[in-house]
Amino acid sequence: MIIAELLKRALFIEGWGPNTADRYNLGLLWNIDFLKNSLSTFKAWMLVLFLATTALLGAKFASLDPQRYLSIYLIEPSLLAALLLFGLIYETRIYLVLVPFIIISGVLVTKAIAVKRARREAYVASENFLR
């Protein structure tokens, strides 16, 4: 909240509308209420599945080389937390910022799996050659 307050004081340009200097547009309570009341709908389950897949794919991505990728991964949960805190989760437009994280994680995890499989096949082939 301190960072949000400092950013608001530094960047906020007061417009013609009502004075909103002492309140924030937090959507966390609306998000919790939305999830609680709509977990029987397909849209809510797809949303939960998408967020879980994004987090798990990022965690797998970070586990490939933690020294290199952990800092990138730590941005992802903080972005997810900001989306849940300040955004409305039933608005699908807010998830467009997650697309680069999903693509990077998916490509690198797939590449790592393919490299591991190729190394295993090369090892088996060399063992068979030596026999």
Foldseek 3Di string as FASTA:
>chain_A
DVVVLVCCVVPPDDDPDDDPNPDAQWCQVVQVVCLVPDVVDPLSVVLVVVLVVLLVLLVLLCVVPVVPRVVVSVVVVVLVVCCNTRHRSSPVVSCPVSVVSVVVSVVVSVVVVVVVVVVVVVVVVVVVVVD
